[in-house]
Amino acid sequence: MAALYYMIPAAIGLVALAIWCFFWAVNSGQFDDLDGPAHSILFDDEDPAHLDGIEQADAKAKRD
């Protein structure tokens, strides 16, 4: 029974840490572009259209 006095606050603290990490990731932009990295591997790095898309994504990221 005495172990519960340590385990419950530890569990609550762990959940609070996980929630804080999630909100930090959302606010720092970790989930802004989920499709870009997945599709970028399919394109040639020297392709002008691909380079234009990268520039547009960078410009959009700087505006946000």
N, C-alpha and C. Protein backbone atom coordinates (compact mmCIF):
# COMPACT_ATOMS: atom_id res chain seq x y z
N MET A 1 0.83 -1.20 0.00
CA MET A 1 0.00 0.00 0.00
C MET A 1 0.87 1.26 0.00
N ALA A 2 1.97 1.21 0.68
CA ALA A 2 2.84 2.38 0.75
C ALA A 2 3.44 2.71 -0.62
N ALA A 3 3.58 1.69 -1.44
CA ALA A 3 4.16 1.92 -2.77
C ALA A 3 3.25 2.80 -3.63
N LEU A 4 1.95 2.73 -3.39
CA LEU A 4 1.02 3.56 -4.15
C LEU A 4 1.24 5.05 -3.90
N TYR A 5 1.73 5.40 -2.73
CA TYR A 5 2.00 6.80 -2.42
C TYR A 5 3.13 7.36 -3.29
N TYR A 6 3.96 6.48 -3.80
CA TYR A 6 5.04 6.88 -4.70
C TYR A 6 4.67 6.69 -6.17
N MET A 7 3.93 5.63 -6.45
CA MET A 7 3.63 5.29 -7.84
C MET A 7 2.59 6.22 -8.48
N ILE A 8 1.58 6.61 -7.73
CA ILE A 8 0.54 7.48 -8.30
C ILE A 8 1.09 8.86 -8.65
N PRO A 9 1.82 9.54 -7.75
CA PRO A 9 2.40 10.83 -8.19
C PRO A 9 3.41 10.69 -9.31
N ALA A 10 4.16 9.59 -9.32
CA ALA A 10 5.11 9.37 -10.41
C ALA A 10 4.37 9.19 -11.74
N ALA A 11 3.27 8.47 -11.73
CA ALA A 11 2.48 8.26 -12.94
C ALA A 11 1.85 9.58 -13.40
N ILE A 12 1.36 10.36 -12.48
CA ILE A 12 0.77 11.66 -12.83
C ILE A 12 1.86 12.58 -13.41
N GLY A 13 3.03 12.55 -12.81
CA GLY A 13 4.14 13.36 -13.33
C GLY A 13 4.56 12.91 -14.72
N LEU A 14 4.58 11.61 -14.96
CA LEU A 14 4.94 11.09 -16.28
C LEU A 14 3.91 11.50 -17.34
N VAL A 15 2.65 11.43 -16.99
CA VAL A 15 1.60 11.86 -17.93
C VAL A 15 1.71 13.36 -18.20
N ALA A 16 1.97 14.15 -17.16
CA ALA A 16 2.13 15.59 -17.35
C ALA A 16 3.32 15.88 -18.26
N LEU A 17 4.41 15.15 -18.10
CA LEU A 17 5.58 15.33 -18.96
C LEU A 17 5.25 14.97 -20.41
N ALA A 18 4.52 13.89 -20.61
CA ALA A 18 4.15 13.48 -21.97
C ALA A 18 3.24 14.52 -22.62
N ILE A 19 2.31 15.07 -21.88
CA ILE A 19 1.42 16.11 -22.42
C ILE A 19 2.22 17.36 -22.76
N TRP A 20 3.15 17.74 -21.89
CA TRP A 20 3.98 18.91 -22.16
C TRP A 20 4.82 18.69 -23.42
N CYS A 21 5.41 17.51 -23.57
CA CYS A 21 6.21 17.21 -24.76
C CYS A 21 5.36 17.27 -26.03
N PHE A 22 4.14 16.77 -25.96
CA PHE A 22 3.25 16.82 -27.12
C PHE A 22 2.95 18.25 -27.52
N PHE A 23 2.57 19.09 -26.56
CA PHE A 23 2.25 20.48 -26.88
C PHE A 23 3.49 21.25 -27.33
N TRP A 24 4.66 20.92 -26.81
CA TRP A 24 5.89 21.56 -27.27
C TRP A 24 6.12 21.21 -28.74
N ALA A 25 5.92 19.94 -29.11
CA ALA A 25 6.13 19.51 -30.48
C ALA A 25 5.14 20.20 -31.43
N VAL A 26 3.91 20.34 -31.00
CA VAL A 26 2.90 20.99 -31.85
C VAL A 26 3.25 22.47 -32.02
N ASN A 27 3.63 23.14 -30.95
CA ASN A 27 3.93 24.57 -31.03
C ASN A 27 5.23 24.85 -31.78
N SER A 28 6.15 23.91 -31.80
CA SER A 28 7.41 24.14 -32.49
C SER A 28 7.35 23.77 -33.97
N GLY A 29 6.20 23.28 -34.43
CA GLY A 29 6.03 23.01 -35.86
C GLY A 29 6.44 21.62 -36.30
N GLN A 30 6.52 20.68 -35.40
CA GLN A 30 6.93 19.33 -35.76
C GLN A 30 5.92 18.63 -36.66
N PHE A 31 4.66 19.04 -36.60
CA PHE A 31 3.61 18.36 -37.36
C PHE A 31 3.08 19.22 -38.51
N ASP A 32 3.82 20.25 -38.92
CA ASP A 32 3.33 21.15 -39.97
C ASP A 32 3.29 20.48 -41.34
N ASP A 33 4.33 19.75 -41.70
CA ASP A 33 4.40 19.15 -43.03
C ASP A 33 4.68 17.66 -42.89
N LEU A 34 3.62 16.87 -42.88
CA LEU A 34 3.77 15.43 -42.71
C LEU A 34 4.03 14.72 -44.03
N ASP A 35 3.58 15.31 -45.14
CA ASP A 35 3.70 14.64 -46.44
C ASP A 35 4.98 15.00 -47.18
N GLY A 36 5.54 16.15 -46.93
CA GLY A 36 6.72 16.61 -47.66
C GLY A 36 7.90 15.65 -47.59
N PRO A 37 8.35 15.26 -46.40
CA PRO A 37 9.49 14.35 -46.33
C PRO A 37 9.21 12.99 -46.97
N ALA A 38 7.97 12.54 -46.91
CA ALA A 38 7.63 11.25 -47.50
C ALA A 38 7.69 11.30 -49.03
N HIS A 39 7.30 12.42 -49.59
CA HIS A 39 7.31 12.55 -51.05
C HIS A 39 8.65 12.99 -51.59
N SER A 40 9.44 13.67 -50.78
CA SER A 40 10.70 14.22 -51.30
C SER A 40 11.69 13.14 -51.69
N ILE A 41 11.59 11.97 -51.10
CA ILE A 41 12.52 10.90 -51.45
C ILE A 41 12.25 10.36 -52.85
N LEU A 42 11.05 10.62 -53.37
CA LEU A 42 10.69 10.13 -54.69
C LEU A 42 11.21 11.02 -55.82
N PHE A 43 11.65 12.23 -55.50
CA PHE A 43 12.05 13.19 -56.51
C PHE A 43 13.57 13.27 -56.60
N ASP A 44 14.03 13.62 -57.78
CA ASP A 44 15.45 13.84 -58.00
C ASP A 44 15.83 15.20 -57.43
N ASP A 45 16.94 15.27 -56.72
CA ASP A 45 17.35 16.52 -56.10
C ASP A 45 17.71 17.60 -57.11
N GLU A 46 18.10 17.21 -58.30
CA GLU A 46 18.50 18.18 -59.32
C GLU A 46 17.34 18.65 -60.19
N ASP A 47 16.16 18.09 -59.99
CA ASP A 47 14.99 18.46 -60.79
C ASP A 47 14.57 19.90 -60.46
N PRO A 48 14.45 20.77 -61.46
CA PRO A 48 14.08 22.17 -61.18
C PRO A 48 12.72 22.31 -60.49
N ALA A 49 11.77 21.47 -60.85
CA ALA A 49 10.45 21.54 -60.22
C ALA A 49 10.55 21.18 -58.74
N HIS A 50 11.40 20.22 -58.44
CA HIS A 50 11.58 19.82 -57.04
C HIS A 50 12.26 20.94 -56.26
N LEU A 51 13.25 21.59 -56.86
CA LEU A 51 13.94 22.69 -56.18
C LEU A 51 13.00 23.87 -55.95
N ASP A 52 12.09 24.13 -56.91
CA ASP A 52 11.10 25.20 -56.73
C ASP A 52 10.16 24.87 -55.57
N GLY A 53 9.77 23.60 -55.47
CA GLY A 53 8.90 23.19 -54.38
C GLY A 53 9.57 23.35 -53.03
N ILE A 54 10.85 23.05 -52.97
CA ILE A 54 11.59 23.22 -51.71
C ILE A 54 11.66 24.69 -51.34
N GLU A 55 11.92 25.55 -52.33
CA GLU A 55 11.98 26.99 -52.07
C GLU A 55 10.64 27.53 -51.60
N GLN A 56 9.55 27.05 -52.20
CA GLN A 56 8.22 27.49 -51.78
C GLN A 56 7.91 27.04 -50.37
N ALA A 57 8.30 25.81 -50.02
CA ALA A 57 8.05 25.31 -48.67
C ALA A 57 8.87 26.09 -47.66
N ASP A 58 10.10 26.43 -48.00
CA ASP A 58 10.93 27.22 -47.10
C ASP A 58 10.36 28.62 -46.91
N ALA A 59 9.88 29.21 -48.00
CA ALA A 59 9.28 30.54 -47.90
C ALA A 59 8.04 30.52 -47.04
N LYS A 60 7.23 29.48 -47.19
CA LYS A 60 6.02 29.35 -46.38
C LYS A 60 6.38 29.16 -44.92
N ALA A 61 7.40 28.38 -44.65
CA ALA A 61 7.81 28.14 -43.27
C ALA A 61 8.32 29.42 -42.61
N LYS A 62 8.98 30.27 -43.38
CA LYS A 62 9.49 31.53 -42.83
C LYS A 62 8.37 32.50 -42.53
N ARG A 63 7.29 32.44 -43.34
CA ARG A 63 6.14 33.32 -43.09
C ARG A 63 5.37 32.90 -41.86
N ASP A 64 5.33 31.60 -41.59
CA ASP A 64 4.54 31.10 -40.44
C ASP A 64 5.32 31.24 -39.22
